[in-house]
Amino acid sequence: MQLAKVTFLPKIIKRMMKKLVKNTFKIILPLLLGVCILIWLYRDFDFSKAGKVLFHEMNWWWLLLSLVFGVFSHVLRGWRWKLALAPLDAYPKTTNCVNSIFFSYFTNLLLPRVGEISRCGVLSKYDAVPFSKSLGTVVTERLIDSFCVGVITIVALLSQMSVFEKFFDETGTNFTSLLSIFTSMQFYIVLVCTIGVGVLIYYLLRALSFFEKVKGIALNVWEGIVSLKKVKNKFLFAFYTFLIWLFYFLQFYLTFYSFGFSAHLGVMAGLVLFVGGSIAVVVPTPNGAGPWHFAIISMMMLYGVDATDAGIFALIVHGIQTFLVILLGIYATIALPIINKK
C-alpha cells in the first residue's frame, strides 16, 4: 500500500507542475508580448513631457466625459446580455449582468480572453444560469461584434483611402521590394501580433473540440448561440448594439479634444484610429497594451501628428481607460456578494 502511494505521488506532482506551467504561460506570455512592444515603442521617449501634458496641459473635462460613455457602453452590454438570456428561461438580475461585464473586463487584464468565461461564472454562481448556455450567448455576441467591426472597417477604408495612399506616396514605399518590409521593425511587431491571434484561435478551436466531445454541454452551448432568434424584442437588442458601438467610438473620439495636438482631427480620422485600435486589441495582451499603442501611434502619424505627441496620446488615454477598468472591476467584486447576500 505504501509503495502504491509512493509511485502515485510523483504523478500528482507532475500533474500539478504541468498545470502550474500552463497557467503561468497563459499569464506571462501575453504580458511579455505587450511589455516588449511597449519597450520598443517608447525606447527613446521623454516621459517627463508626458507628465507635463498630463498635469498641466491636458483638458480633463473632455477625458472625463469620454469615460462616462465608456461606463455606459458596459452597462448597455449588460442589458443586451439579459435580453439574449431570456429565451433560455434565464432571468438574472440586471445588476448582476452589468457587474459581470465590469468583472469580465477586469479579469481580462490578468488573463486575456478569460473575461468572457468569468462573466458566465458570475451568473452561474449568483443566478443559477447554466454556464454552457450563457457561454453560447457570449459566442453569439462576439459574432455580432465582429460583424460590427467589419462594417465600421469597410466604412473607414472607403472614406479615407486617400489618406493611406498619401502616406505611402510620402514615405516612398516600394511594394515591389519585399526586402524593405522584412528589415522593418514594424513588420516584426505585426508578425508577432498575428502569431498571438493565431495562438488565440488555436485555443478557441481546442475548446470547441472539447465541447463537441461532451455532447450535453455542446447542445447547451448551441442553444445559447441560436437563442438570438428567439429574442422577443429584436429592435431593442439591435438598438443596444448600435448604442454600444456608438459609445465605444465616443469614448475614444472625445479624447482628441483633451490634447491640443489632436483636437483638430475630425470624425473620420477618429473612425480610422478607432478601427485600428479595435483590431489591435484582438491580440491577446492585457487590455490590448502594446498592439493598441502601436496601432494608434502609427495611424495618428498618418494625419500629421508628431510621433512624440502620438506616443503621449496613446500612453495617457490607454492608461486612464485601463484605470477605469480596474475601478469598475473592484466595484463589481465588492458589489456582487453584497447585492446577492440574501
C-alpha atoms as a PDB file:
ATOM      1  CA  MET A   1       0.000   0.000   0.000  1.00  0.00           C
ATOM      2  CA  GLN A   2       2.822   2.397   0.898  1.00  0.00           C
ATOM      3  CA  LEU A   3       4.589   1.553  -2.357  1.00  0.00           C
ATOM      4  CA  ALA A   4       1.447   2.451  -4.303  1.00  0.00           C
ATOM      5  CA  LYS A   5       1.272   5.809  -2.532  1.00  0.00           C
ATOM      6  CA  VAL A   6       4.921   6.499  -3.300  1.00  0.00           C
ATOM      7  CA  THR A   7       4.515   5.745  -7.019  1.00  0.00           C
ATOM      8  CA  PHE A   8       1.243   7.682  -7.202  1.00  0.00           C
ATOM      9  CA  LEU A   9       2.641  10.822  -5.541  1.00  0.00           C
ATOM     10  CA  PRO A  10       5.030  11.799  -8.380  1.00  0.00           C
ATOM     11  CA  LYS A  11       2.103  11.616 -10.829  1.00  0.00           C
ATOM     12  CA  ILE A  12       0.182  14.132  -8.753  1.00  0.00           C
ATOM     13  CA  ILE A  13       3.194  16.425  -8.504  1.00  0.00           C
ATOM     14  CA  LYS A  14       3.816  16.102 -12.235  1.00  0.00           C
ATOM     15  CA  ARG A  15       0.179  16.954 -12.987  1.00  0.00           C
ATOM     16  CA  MET A  16       0.268  19.958 -10.648  1.00  0.00           C
ATOM     17  CA  MET A  17       3.512  21.226 -12.170  1.00  0.00           C
ATOM     18  CA  LYS A  18       2.093  20.835 -15.681  1.00  0.00           C
ATOM     19  CA  LYS A  19      -0.992  22.825 -14.703  1.00  0.00           C
ATOM     20  CA  LEU A  20       1.148  25.485 -13.000  1.00  0.00           C
ATOM     21  CA  VAL A  21       3.368  25.867 -16.074  1.00  0.00           C
ATOM     22  CA  LYS A  22       0.317  26.084 -18.336  1.00  0.00           C
ATOM     23  CA  ASN A  23      -1.331  28.793 -16.207  1.00  0.00           C
ATOM     24  CA  THR A  24       1.942  30.698 -15.887  1.00  0.00           C
ATOM     25  CA  PHE A  25       2.332  30.524 -19.673  1.00  0.00           C
ATOM     26  CA  LYS A  26      -1.154  31.988 -20.150  1.00  0.00           C
ATOM     27  CA  ILE A  27      -0.350  34.921 -17.835  1.00  0.00           C
ATOM     28  CA  ILE A  28       3.293  35.618 -18.633  1.00  0.00           C
ATOM     29  CA  LEU A  29       3.274  35.283 -22.430  1.00  0.00           C
ATOM     30  CA  PRO A  30       0.565  37.938 -23.143  1.00  0.00           C
ATOM     31  CA  LEU A  31       2.132  40.251 -20.572  1.00  0.00           C
ATOM     32  CA  LEU A  32       5.608  39.728 -22.021  1.00  0.00           C
ATOM     33  CA  LEU A  33       4.344  40.374 -25.545  1.00  0.00           C
ATOM     34  CA  GLY A  34       2.722  43.667 -24.515  1.00  0.00           C
ATOM     35  CA  VAL A  35       5.741  44.794 -22.487  1.00  0.00           C
ATOM     36  CA  CYS A  36       8.196  44.061 -25.311  1.00  0.00           C
ATOM     37  CA  ILE A  37       6.163  46.090 -27.804  1.00  0.00           C
ATOM     38  CA  LEU A  38       5.830  48.980 -25.325  1.00  0.00           C
ATOM     39  CA  ILE A  39       9.573  48.973 -24.606  1.00  0.00           C
ATOM     40  CA  TRP A  40      10.333  49.165 -28.313  1.00  0.00           C
ATOM     41  CA  LEU A  41       7.764  51.921 -28.947  1.00  0.00           C
ATOM     42  CA  TYR A  42       8.919  54.082 -26.022  1.00  0.00           C
ATOM     43  CA  ARG A  43      12.644  53.259 -26.098  1.00  0.00           C
ATOM     44  CA  ASP A  44      13.689  56.901 -26.722  1.00  0.00           C
ATOM     45  CA  PHE A  45      10.607  58.550 -25.247  1.00  0.00           C
ATOM     46  CA  ASP A  46      10.733  61.585 -22.948  1.00  0.00           C
ATOM     47  CA  PHE A  47       8.330  60.622 -20.154  1.00  0.00           C
ATOM     48  CA  SER A  48       8.759  63.998 -18.448  1.00  0.00           C
ATOM     49  CA  LYS A  49       6.979  65.607 -21.403  1.00  0.00           C
ATOM     50  CA  ALA A  50       4.097  63.159 -20.974  1.00  0.00           C
ATOM     51  CA  GLY A  51       3.892  64.132 -17.296  1.00  0.00           C
ATOM     52  CA  LYS A  52       3.818  67.820 -18.221  1.00  0.00           C
ATOM     53  CA  VAL A  53       0.942  67.238 -20.650  1.00  0.00           C
ATOM     54  CA  LEU A  54      -0.925  65.063 -18.134  1.00  0.00           C
ATOM     55  CA  PHE A  55      -0.809  67.505 -15.228  1.00  0.00           C
ATOM     56  CA  HIS A  56      -0.610  70.927 -16.865  1.00  0.00           C
ATOM     57  CA  GLU A  57      -1.756  70.968 -20.486  1.00  0.00           C
ATOM     58  CA  MET A  58      -4.479  68.357 -20.845  1.00  0.00           C
ATOM     59  CA  ASN A  59      -8.198  69.202 -20.768  1.00  0.00           C
ATOM     60  CA  TRP A  60      -9.520  66.723 -18.208  1.00  0.00           C
ATOM     61  CA  TRP A  61     -13.193  67.555 -18.763  1.00  0.00           C
ATOM     62  CA  TRP A  62     -13.238  66.010 -22.219  1.00  0.00           C
ATOM     63  CA  LEU A  63     -11.441  62.948 -20.920  1.00  0.00           C
ATOM     64  CA  LEU A  64     -13.876  62.514 -18.025  1.00  0.00           C
ATOM     65  CA  LEU A  65     -16.807  62.865 -20.438  1.00  0.00           C
ATOM     66  CA  SER A  66     -15.299  60.129 -22.607  1.00  0.00           C
ATOM     67  CA  LEU A  67     -15.089  57.845 -19.563  1.00  0.00           C
ATOM     68  CA  VAL A  68     -18.811  58.363 -18.919  1.00  0.00           C
ATOM     69  CA  PHE A  69     -19.546  56.925 -22.352  1.00  0.00           C
ATOM     70  CA  GLY A  70     -17.152  54.090 -21.572  1.00  0.00           C
ATOM     71  CA  VAL A  71     -19.073  53.153 -18.430  1.00  0.00           C
ATOM     72  CA  PHE A  72     -22.447  53.305 -20.186  1.00  0.00           C
ATOM     73  CA  SER A  73     -21.184  51.116 -23.038  1.00  0.00           C
ATOM     74  CA  HIS A  74     -20.513  48.381 -20.458  1.00  0.00           C
ATOM     75  CA  VAL A  75     -23.907  48.945 -18.833  1.00  0.00           C
ATOM     76  CA  LEU A  76     -25.645  48.611 -22.197  1.00  0.00           C
ATOM     77  CA  ARG A  77     -23.715  45.411 -22.868  1.00  0.00           C
ATOM     78  CA  GLY A  78     -25.089  44.002 -19.623  1.00  0.00           C
ATOM     79  CA  TRP A  79     -28.646  45.000 -20.585  1.00  0.00           C
ATOM     80  CA  ARG A  80     -28.228  43.426 -24.026  1.00  0.00           C
ATOM     81  CA  TRP A  81     -26.927  40.215 -22.494  1.00  0.00           C
ATOM     82  CA  LYS A  82     -30.023  39.936 -20.310  1.00  0.00           C
ATOM     83  CA  LEU A  83     -32.192  40.132 -23.450  1.00  0.00           C
ATOM     84  CA  ALA A  84     -30.184  37.319 -25.042  1.00  0.00           C
ATOM     85  CA  LEU A  85     -30.573  35.108 -21.959  1.00  0.00           C
ATOM     86  CA  ALA A  86     -34.357  35.449 -21.703  1.00  0.00           C
ATOM     87  CA  PRO A  87     -35.155  32.904 -24.480  1.00  0.00           C
ATOM     88  CA  LEU A  88     -33.201  30.331 -22.440  1.00  0.00           C
ATOM     89  CA  ASP A  89     -35.570  30.821 -19.488  1.00  0.00           C
ATOM     90  CA  ALA A  90     -32.734  32.554 -17.670  1.00  0.00           C
ATOM     91  CA  TYR A  91     -33.682  35.785 -15.919  1.00  0.00           C
ATOM     92  CA  PRO A  92     -30.695  37.058 -13.929  1.00  0.00           C
ATOM     93  CA  LYS A  93     -30.730  40.333 -12.057  1.00  0.00           C
ATOM     94  CA  THR A  94     -29.931  43.325 -14.245  1.00  0.00           C
ATOM     95  CA  THR A  95     -27.312  44.473 -11.730  1.00  0.00           C
ATOM     96  CA  ASN A  96     -25.639  41.063 -11.903  1.00  0.00           C
ATOM     97  CA  CYS A  97     -25.493  41.221 -15.702  1.00  0.00           C
ATOM     98  CA  VAL A  98     -23.892  44.671 -15.603  1.00  0.00           C
ATOM     99  CA  ASN A  99     -21.463  43.828 -12.797  1.00  0.00           C
ATOM    100  CA  SER A 100     -20.468  40.623 -14.567  1.00  0.00           C
ATOM    101  CA  ILE A 101     -19.451  42.761 -17.565  1.00  0.00           C
ATOM    102  CA  PHE A 102     -17.389  45.029 -15.300  1.00  0.00           C
ATOM    103  CA  PHE A 103     -15.794  41.953 -13.751  1.00  0.00           C
ATOM    104  CA  SER A 104     -15.049  40.342 -17.134  1.00  0.00           C
ATOM    105  CA  TYR A 105     -13.075  43.334 -18.412  1.00  0.00           C
ATOM    106  CA  PHE A 106     -11.178  43.439 -15.135  1.00  0.00           C
ATOM    107  CA  THR A 107     -10.372  39.713 -15.445  1.00  0.00           C
ATOM    108  CA  ASN A 108      -9.078  40.261 -18.972  1.00  0.00           C
ATOM    109  CA  LEU A 109      -6.327  42.445 -17.528  1.00  0.00           C
ATOM    110  CA  LEU A 110      -4.948  39.380 -15.732  1.00  0.00           C
ATOM    111  CA  LEU A 111      -5.829  36.672 -18.235  1.00  0.00           C
ATOM    112  CA  PRO A 112      -6.709  37.948 -21.709  1.00  0.00           C
ATOM    113  CA  ARG A 113      -9.906  36.406 -23.158  1.00  0.00           C
ATOM    114  CA  VAL A 114     -10.795  34.701 -19.862  1.00  0.00           C
ATOM    115  CA  GLY A 115     -13.209  37.517 -19.028  1.00  0.00           C
ATOM    116  CA  GLU A 116     -15.931  36.033 -21.238  1.00  0.00           C
ATOM    117  CA  ILE A 117     -15.772  32.835 -19.215  1.00  0.00           C
ATOM    118  CA  SER A 118     -15.666  34.664 -15.885  1.00  0.00           C
ATOM    119  CA  ARG A 119     -18.874  36.597 -16.546  1.00  0.00           C
ATOM    120  CA  CYS A 120     -20.679  33.333 -17.292  1.00  0.00           C
ATOM    121  CA  GLY A 121     -19.336  32.034 -13.993  1.00  0.00           C
ATOM    122  CA  VAL A 122     -20.736  35.075 -12.166  1.00  0.00           C
ATOM    123  CA  LEU A 123     -24.290  34.437 -13.391  1.00  0.00           C
ATOM    124  CA  SER A 124     -23.915  30.726 -12.728  1.00  0.00           C
ATOM    125  CA  LYS A 125     -22.968  31.455  -9.135  1.00  0.00           C
ATOM    126  CA  TYR A 126     -25.465  34.185  -8.260  1.00  0.00           C
ATOM    127  CA  ASP A 127     -28.442  33.487 -10.554  1.00  0.00           C
ATOM    128  CA  ALA A 128     -28.058  29.749 -11.301  1.00  0.00           C
ATOM    129  CA  VAL A 129     -27.837  30.446 -15.054  1.00  0.00           C
ATOM    130  CA  PRO A 130     -26.422  27.322 -16.774  1.00  0.00           C
ATOM    131  CA  PHE A 131     -22.807  28.076 -17.615  1.00  0.00           C
ATOM    132  CA  SER A 132     -22.778  26.389 -21.022  1.00  0.00           C
ATOM    133  CA  LYS A 133     -25.959  28.138 -22.171  1.00  0.00           C
ATOM    134  CA  SER A 134     -24.734  31.592 -21.154  1.00  0.00           C
ATOM    135  CA  LEU A 135     -21.420  30.832 -22.882  1.00  0.00           C
ATOM    136  CA  GLY A 136     -23.356  30.207 -26.088  1.00  0.00           C
ATOM    137  CA  THR A 137     -24.923  33.678 -25.897  1.00  0.00           C
ATOM    138  CA  VAL A 138     -21.432  35.152 -25.425  1.00  0.00           C
ATOM    139  CA  VAL A 139     -20.317  33.420 -28.635  1.00  0.00           C
ATOM    140  CA  THR A 140     -23.294  34.991 -30.416  1.00  0.00           C
ATOM    141  CA  GLU A 141     -22.403  38.413 -29.005  1.00  0.00           C
ATOM    142  CA  ARG A 142     -18.840  38.100 -30.253  1.00  0.00           C
ATOM    143  CA  LEU A 143     -20.038  37.175 -33.739  1.00  0.00           C
ATOM    144  CA  ILE A 144     -22.286  40.258 -33.772  1.00  0.00           C
ATOM    145  CA  ASP A 145     -19.457  42.467 -32.510  1.00  0.00           C
ATOM    146  CA  SER A 146     -17.120  41.085 -35.180  1.00  0.00           C
ATOM    147  CA  PHE A 147     -19.711  41.937 -37.812  1.00  0.00           C
ATOM    148  CA  CYS A 148     -19.975  45.499 -36.433  1.00  0.00           C
ATOM    149  CA  VAL A 149     -16.192  45.931 -36.519  1.00  0.00           C
ATOM    150  CA  GLY A 150     -16.190  44.656 -40.100  1.00  0.00           C
ATOM    151  CA  VAL A 151     -18.845  47.180 -41.198  1.00  0.00           C
ATOM    152  CA  ILE A 152     -17.051  50.064 -39.454  1.00  0.00           C
ATOM    153  CA  THR A 153     -13.747  48.980 -41.017  1.00  0.00           C
ATOM    154  CA  ILE A 154     -15.208  48.976 -44.530  1.00  0.00           C
ATOM    155  CA  VAL A 155     -16.715  52.449 -44.000  1.00  0.00           C
ATOM    156  CA  ALA A 156     -13.392  53.789 -42.694  1.00  0.00           C
ATOM    157  CA  LEU A 157     -11.377  52.293 -45.556  1.00  0.00           C
ATOM    158  CA  LEU A 158     -13.718  53.503 -48.302  1.00  0.00           C
ATOM    159  CA  SER A 159     -13.968  57.033 -46.904  1.00  0.00           C
ATOM    160  CA  GLN A 160     -10.292  57.501 -46.016  1.00  0.00           C
ATOM    161  CA  MET A 161      -8.481  55.556 -48.732  1.00  0.00           C
ATOM    162  CA  SER A 162      -6.772  58.743 -49.959  1.00  0.00           C
ATOM    163  CA  VAL A 163      -5.074  59.175 -46.580  1.00  0.00           C
ATOM    164  CA  PHE A 164      -3.377  55.790 -46.854  1.00  0.00           C
ATOM    165  CA  GLU A 165      -2.365  56.417 -50.462  1.00  0.00           C
ATOM    166  CA  LYS A 166      -0.857  59.765 -49.469  1.00  0.00           C
ATOM    167  CA  PHE A 167       1.054  58.134 -46.631  1.00  0.00           C
ATOM    168  CA  PHE A 168       2.628  55.533 -48.940  1.00  0.00           C
ATOM    169  CA  ASP A 169       3.499  58.219 -51.535  1.00  0.00           C
ATOM    170  CA  GLU A 170       5.186  60.479 -48.980  1.00  0.00           C
ATOM    171  CA  THR A 171       7.187  57.668 -47.417  1.00  0.00           C
ATOM    172  CA  GLY A 172       8.232  56.319 -50.806  1.00  0.00           C
ATOM    173  CA  THR A 173       7.124  52.793 -50.004  1.00  0.00           C
ATOM    174  CA  ASN A 174       8.050  50.441 -52.817  1.00  0.00           C
ATOM    175  CA  PHE A 175       5.705  47.464 -52.882  1.00  0.00           C
ATOM    176  CA  THR A 176       7.874  45.655 -55.444  1.00  0.00           C
ATOM    177  CA  SER A 177      10.679  45.342 -52.925  1.00  0.00           C
ATOM    178  CA  LEU A 178       9.988  42.945 -50.062  1.00  0.00           C
ATOM    179  CA  LEU A 179      13.436  43.438 -48.559  1.00  0.00           C
ATOM    180  CA  SER A 180      12.499  46.813 -47.036  1.00  0.00           C
ATOM    181  CA  ILE A 181       9.494  45.193 -45.387  1.00  0.00           C
ATOM    182  CA  PHE A 182      11.450  42.363 -43.802  1.00  0.00           C
ATOM    183  CA  THR A 183      14.055  44.759 -42.414  1.00  0.00           C
ATOM    184  CA  SER A 184      11.383  46.903 -40.763  1.00  0.00           C
ATOM    185  CA  MET A 185      10.701  46.529 -37.027  1.00  0.00           C
ATOM    186  CA  GLN A 186       7.046  47.307 -37.675  1.00  0.00           C
ATOM    187  CA  PHE A 187       6.834  44.162 -39.795  1.00  0.00           C
ATOM    188  CA  TYR A 188       8.007  42.000 -36.911  1.00  0.00           C
ATOM    189  CA  ILE A 189       5.560  43.623 -34.496  1.00  0.00           C
ATOM    190  CA  VAL A 190       2.694  42.864 -36.873  1.00  0.00           C
ATOM    191  CA  LEU A 191       4.057  39.339 -37.352  1.00  0.00           C
ATOM    192  CA  VAL A 192       4.232  38.671 -33.607  1.00  0.00           C
ATOM    193  CA  CYS A 193       0.712  40.078 -33.129  1.00  0.00           C
ATOM    194  CA  THR A 194      -0.548  37.839 -35.934  1.00  0.00           C
ATOM    195  CA  ILE A 195       1.050  34.824 -34.282  1.00  0.00           C
ATOM    196  CA  GLY A 196      -0.624  35.833 -30.998  1.00  0.00           C
ATOM    197  CA  VAL A 197      -4.016  35.922 -32.704  1.00  0.00           C
ATOM    198  CA  GLY A 198      -3.255  32.534 -34.258  1.00  0.00           C
ATOM    199  CA  VAL A 199      -2.486  31.063 -30.829  1.00  0.00           C
ATOM    200  CA  LEU A 200      -5.759  32.506 -29.507  1.00  0.00           C
ATOM    201  CA  ILE A 201      -7.731  30.931 -32.372  1.00  0.00           C
ATOM    202  CA  TYR A 202      -5.955  27.628 -31.729  1.00  0.00           C
ATOM    203  CA  TYR A 203      -7.041  27.548 -28.084  1.00  0.00           C
ATOM    204  CA  LEU A 204     -10.580  28.529 -29.053  1.00  0.00           C
ATOM    205  CA  LEU A 205     -10.750  25.663 -31.543  1.00  0.00           C
ATOM    206  CA  ARG A 206      -9.429  23.306 -28.898  1.00  0.00           C
ATOM    207  CA  ALA A 207     -12.143  24.484 -26.524  1.00  0.00           C
ATOM    208  CA  LEU A 208     -14.787  23.932 -29.195  1.00  0.00           C
ATOM    209  CA  SER A 209     -13.466  20.438 -29.904  1.00  0.00           C
ATOM    210  CA  PHE A 210     -13.704  19.700 -26.196  1.00  0.00           C
ATOM    211  CA  PHE A 211     -17.346  20.792 -26.166  1.00  0.00           C
ATOM    212  CA  GLU A 212     -18.021  18.575 -29.161  1.00  0.00           C
ATOM    213  CA  LYS A 213     -16.779  15.591 -27.191  1.00  0.00           C
ATOM    214  CA  VAL A 214     -19.151  16.387 -24.366  1.00  0.00           C
ATOM    215  CA  LYS A 215     -22.448  16.231 -26.237  1.00  0.00           C
ATOM    216  CA  GLY A 216     -24.689  17.559 -23.465  1.00  0.00           C
ATOM    217  CA  ILE A 217     -22.583  20.667 -22.939  1.00  0.00           C
ATOM    218  CA  ALA A 218     -22.227  21.204 -26.678  1.00  0.00           C
ATOM    219  CA  LEU A 219     -26.001  21.151 -27.109  1.00  0.00           C
ATOM    220  CA  ASN A 220     -26.391  23.736 -24.348  1.00  0.00           C
ATOM    221  CA  VAL A 221     -23.767  25.965 -25.956  1.00  0.00           C
ATOM    222  CA  TRP A 222     -25.501  25.656 -29.313  1.00  0.00           C
ATOM    223  CA  GLU A 223     -28.824  26.502 -27.682  1.00  0.00           C
ATOM    224  CA  GLY A 224     -27.253  29.656 -26.333  1.00  0.00           C
ATOM    225  CA  ILE A 225     -25.805  30.555 -29.723  1.00  0.00           C
ATOM    226  CA  VAL A 226     -29.146  30.283 -31.535  1.00  0.00           C
ATOM    227  CA  SER A 227     -31.062  31.988 -28.713  1.00  0.00           C
ATOM    228  CA  LEU A 228     -30.859  35.302 -30.571  1.00  0.00           C
ATOM    229  CA  LYS A 229     -33.556  34.072 -32.956  1.00  0.00           C
ATOM    230  CA  LYS A 230     -35.944  33.853 -30.017  1.00  0.00           C
ATOM    231  CA  VAL A 231     -35.239  37.287 -28.515  1.00  0.00           C
ATOM    232  CA  LYS A 232     -38.645  38.897 -28.104  1.00  0.00           C
ATOM    233  CA  ASN A 233     -37.589  42.491 -28.660  1.00  0.00           C
ATOM    234  CA  LYS A 234     -35.117  42.274 -31.535  1.00  0.00           C
ATOM    235  CA  PHE A 235     -35.364  46.013 -32.184  1.00  0.00           C
ATOM    236  CA  LEU A 236     -34.247  46.770 -28.632  1.00  0.00           C
ATOM    237  CA  PHE A 237     -31.390  44.269 -28.994  1.00  0.00           C
ATOM    238  CA  ALA A 238     -30.269  45.978 -32.221  1.00  0.00           C
ATOM    239  CA  PHE A 239     -30.657  49.417 -30.621  1.00  0.00           C
ATOM    240  CA  TYR A 240     -28.482  48.373 -27.676  1.00  0.00           C
ATOM    241  CA  THR A 241     -25.876  47.061 -30.126  1.00  0.00           C
ATOM    242  CA  PHE A 242     -25.874  50.364 -32.028  1.00  0.00           C
ATOM    243  CA  LEU A 243     -25.509  52.376 -28.816  1.00  0.00           C
ATOM    244  CA  ILE A 244     -22.740  50.118 -27.508  1.00  0.00           C
ATOM    245  CA  TRP A 245     -20.563  50.782 -30.547  1.00  0.00           C
ATOM    246  CA  LEU A 246     -21.533  54.441 -30.716  1.00  0.00           C
ATOM    247  CA  PHE A 247     -20.474  54.869 -27.093  1.00  0.00           C
ATOM    248  CA  TYR A 248     -17.261  52.919 -27.707  1.00  0.00           C
ATOM    249  CA  PHE A 249     -16.454  55.341 -30.505  1.00  0.00           C
ATOM    250  CA  LEU A 250     -17.370  58.420 -28.447  1.00  0.00           C
ATOM    251  CA  GLN A 251     -15.250  57.165 -25.559  1.00  0.00           C
ATOM    252  CA  PHE A 252     -12.287  57.166 -27.899  1.00  0.00           C
ATOM    253  CA  TYR A 253     -13.083  60.146 -30.132  1.00  0.00           C
ATOM    254  CA  LEU A 254     -13.782  62.660 -27.337  1.00  0.00           C
ATOM    255  CA  THR A 255     -10.260  62.132 -26.004  1.00  0.00           C
ATOM    256  CA  PHE A 256      -8.994  64.011 -29.086  1.00  0.00           C
ATOM    257  CA  TYR A 257     -10.252  67.256 -27.531  1.00  0.00           C
ATOM    258  CA  SER A 258      -8.204  66.668 -24.381  1.00  0.00           C
ATOM    259  CA  PHE A 259      -4.991  67.451 -26.260  1.00  0.00           C
ATOM    260  CA  GLY A 260      -4.057  70.456 -28.349  1.00  0.00           C
ATOM    261  CA  PHE A 261      -2.213  68.368 -30.925  1.00  0.00           C
ATOM    262  CA  SER A 262      -5.223  66.112 -31.660  1.00  0.00           C
ATOM    263  CA  ALA A 263      -8.188  68.475 -31.234  1.00  0.00           C
ATOM    264  CA  HIS A 264      -8.153  69.321 -34.954  1.00  0.00           C
ATOM    265  CA  LEU A 265      -8.612  65.703 -36.042  1.00  0.00           C
ATOM    266  CA  GLY A 266     -12.076  65.134 -37.466  1.00  0.00           C
ATOM    267  CA  VAL A 267     -14.652  62.405 -37.017  1.00  0.00           C
ATOM    268  CA  MET A 268     -13.363  60.356 -39.954  1.00  0.00           C
ATOM    269  CA  ALA A 269      -9.834  60.416 -38.559  1.00  0.00           C
ATOM    270  CA  GLY A 270     -11.321  59.257 -35.270  1.00  0.00           C
ATOM    271  CA  LEU A 271     -13.117  56.455 -37.077  1.00  0.00           C
ATOM    272  CA  VAL A 272      -9.907  55.245 -38.751  1.00  0.00           C
ATOM    273  CA  LEU A 273      -7.999  55.261 -35.457  1.00  0.00           C
ATOM    274  CA  PHE A 274     -10.927  53.609 -33.687  1.00  0.00           C
ATOM    275  CA  VAL A 275     -10.939  50.778 -36.228  1.00  0.00           C
ATOM    276  CA  GLY A 276      -7.179  50.341 -35.927  1.00  0.00           C
ATOM    277  CA  GLY A 277      -7.405  50.192 -32.147  1.00  0.00           C
ATOM    278  CA  SER A 278     -10.367  47.783 -32.214  1.00  0.00           C
ATOM    279  CA  ILE A 279      -8.479  45.366 -34.441  1.00  0.00           C
ATOM    280  CA  ALA A 280      -5.278  45.709 -32.393  1.00  0.00           C
ATOM    281  CA  VAL A 281      -6.940  44.654 -29.120  1.00  0.00           C
ATOM    282  CA  VAL A 282      -7.697  41.252 -30.678  1.00  0.00           C
ATOM    283  CA  VAL A 283      -4.059  40.430 -29.936  1.00  0.00           C
ATOM    284  CA  PRO A 284      -4.127  38.695 -26.502  1.00  0.00           C
ATOM    285  CA  THR A 285      -2.292  41.214 -24.314  1.00  0.00           C
ATOM    286  CA  PRO A 286      -3.695  42.838 -21.135  1.00  0.00           C
ATOM    287  CA  ASN A 287      -6.272  45.365 -22.368  1.00  0.00           C
ATOM    288  CA  GLY A 288      -4.505  45.422 -25.741  1.00  0.00           C
ATOM    289  CA  ALA A 289      -1.408  47.077 -24.233  1.00  0.00           C
ATOM    290  CA  GLY A 290       1.356  47.287 -26.818  1.00  0.00           C
ATOM    291  CA  PRO A 291      -0.529  46.429 -30.030  1.00  0.00           C
ATOM    292  CA  TRP A 292      -3.087  49.175 -29.305  1.00  0.00           C
ATOM    293  CA  HIS A 293      -0.334  51.744 -28.725  1.00  0.00           C
ATOM    294  CA  PHE A 294       1.437  50.655 -31.909  1.00  0.00           C
ATOM    295  CA  ALA A 295      -1.748  50.976 -33.990  1.00  0.00           C
ATOM    296  CA  ILE A 296      -2.762  54.364 -32.567  1.00  0.00           C
ATOM    297  CA  ILE A 297       0.711  55.930 -32.840  1.00  0.00           C
ATOM    298  CA  SER A 298       1.208  54.680 -36.399  1.00  0.00           C
ATOM    299  CA  MET A 299      -2.215  55.856 -37.567  1.00  0.00           C
ATOM    300  CA  MET A 300      -2.033  59.259 -35.846  1.00  0.00           C
ATOM    301  CA  MET A 301       1.123  59.893 -37.803  1.00  0.00           C
ATOM    302  CA  LEU A 302      -0.942  59.330 -40.959  1.00  0.00           C
ATOM    303  CA  TYR A 303      -2.763  62.535 -40.063  1.00  0.00           C
ATOM    304  CA  GLY A 304       0.384  64.565 -39.421  1.00  0.00           C
ATOM    305  CA  VAL A 305       0.579  64.207 -35.626  1.00  0.00           C
ATOM    306  CA  ASP A 306       4.154  64.221 -34.330  1.00  0.00           C
ATOM    307  CA  ALA A 307       5.433  60.819 -33.186  1.00  0.00           C
ATOM    308  CA  THR A 308       6.131  62.107 -29.667  1.00  0.00           C
ATOM    309  CA  ASP A 309       2.667  63.636 -29.344  1.00  0.00           C
ATOM    310  CA  ALA A 310       1.086  60.440 -30.681  1.00  0.00           C
ATOM    311  CA  GLY A 311       3.050  58.475 -28.088  1.00  0.00           C
ATOM    312  CA  ILE A 312       1.803  60.780 -25.333  1.00  0.00           C
ATOM    313  CA  PHE A 313      -1.793  60.397 -26.525  1.00  0.00           C
ATOM    314  CA  ALA A 314      -1.618  56.584 -26.609  1.00  0.00           C
ATOM    315  CA  LEU A 315       0.139  56.357 -23.252  1.00  0.00           C
ATOM    316  CA  ILE A 316      -2.234  58.647 -21.346  1.00  0.00           C
ATOM    317  CA  VAL A 317      -5.520  57.564 -22.945  1.00  0.00           C
ATOM    318  CA  HIS A 318      -4.810  53.851 -22.614  1.00  0.00           C
ATOM    319  CA  GLY A 319      -3.518  54.273 -19.067  1.00  0.00           C
ATOM    320  CA  ILE A 320      -6.588  56.154 -17.860  1.00  0.00           C
ATOM    321  CA  GLN A 321      -9.015  53.810 -19.629  1.00  0.00           C
ATOM    322  CA  THR A 322      -7.230  50.845 -18.051  1.00  0.00           C
ATOM    323  CA  PHE A 323      -7.524  52.554 -14.652  1.00  0.00           C
ATOM    324  CA  LEU A 324     -11.286  52.863 -15.247  1.00  0.00           C
ATOM    325  CA  VAL A 325     -11.494  49.127 -15.990  1.00  0.00           C
ATOM    326  CA  ILE A 326      -9.675  48.418 -12.711  1.00  0.00           C
ATOM    327  CA  LEU A 327     -12.037  50.655 -10.729  1.00  0.00           C
ATOM    328  CA  LEU A 328     -15.140  49.077 -12.268  1.00  0.00           C
ATOM    329  CA  GLY A 329     -13.713  45.606 -11.644  1.00  0.00           C
ATOM    330  CA  ILE A 330     -13.031  46.371  -7.988  1.00  0.00           C
ATOM    331  CA  TYR A 331     -16.540  47.828  -7.637  1.00  0.00           C
ATOM    332  CA  ALA A 332     -18.109  44.692  -9.173  1.00  0.00           C
ATOM    333  CA  THR A 333     -16.018  42.396  -6.984  1.00  0.00           C
ATOM    334  CA  ILE A 334     -17.274  44.190  -3.867  1.00  0.00           C
ATOM    335  CA  ALA A 335     -20.852  44.805  -5.031  1.00  0.00           C
ATOM    336  CA  LEU A 336     -21.746  41.314  -6.298  1.00  0.00           C
ATOM    337  CA  PRO A 337     -21.653  39.483  -2.939  1.00  0.00           C
ATOM    338  CA  ILE A 338     -23.370  42.405  -1.184  1.00  0.00           C
ATOM    339  CA  ILE A 339     -26.233  42.681  -3.717  1.00  0.00           C
ATOM    340  CA  ASN A 340     -26.748  38.912  -3.668  1.00  0.00           C
ATOM    341  CA  LYS A 341     -26.328  38.496   0.082  1.00  0.00           C
ATOM    342  CA  LYS A 342     -29.806  37.045   0.625  1.00  0.00           C
END
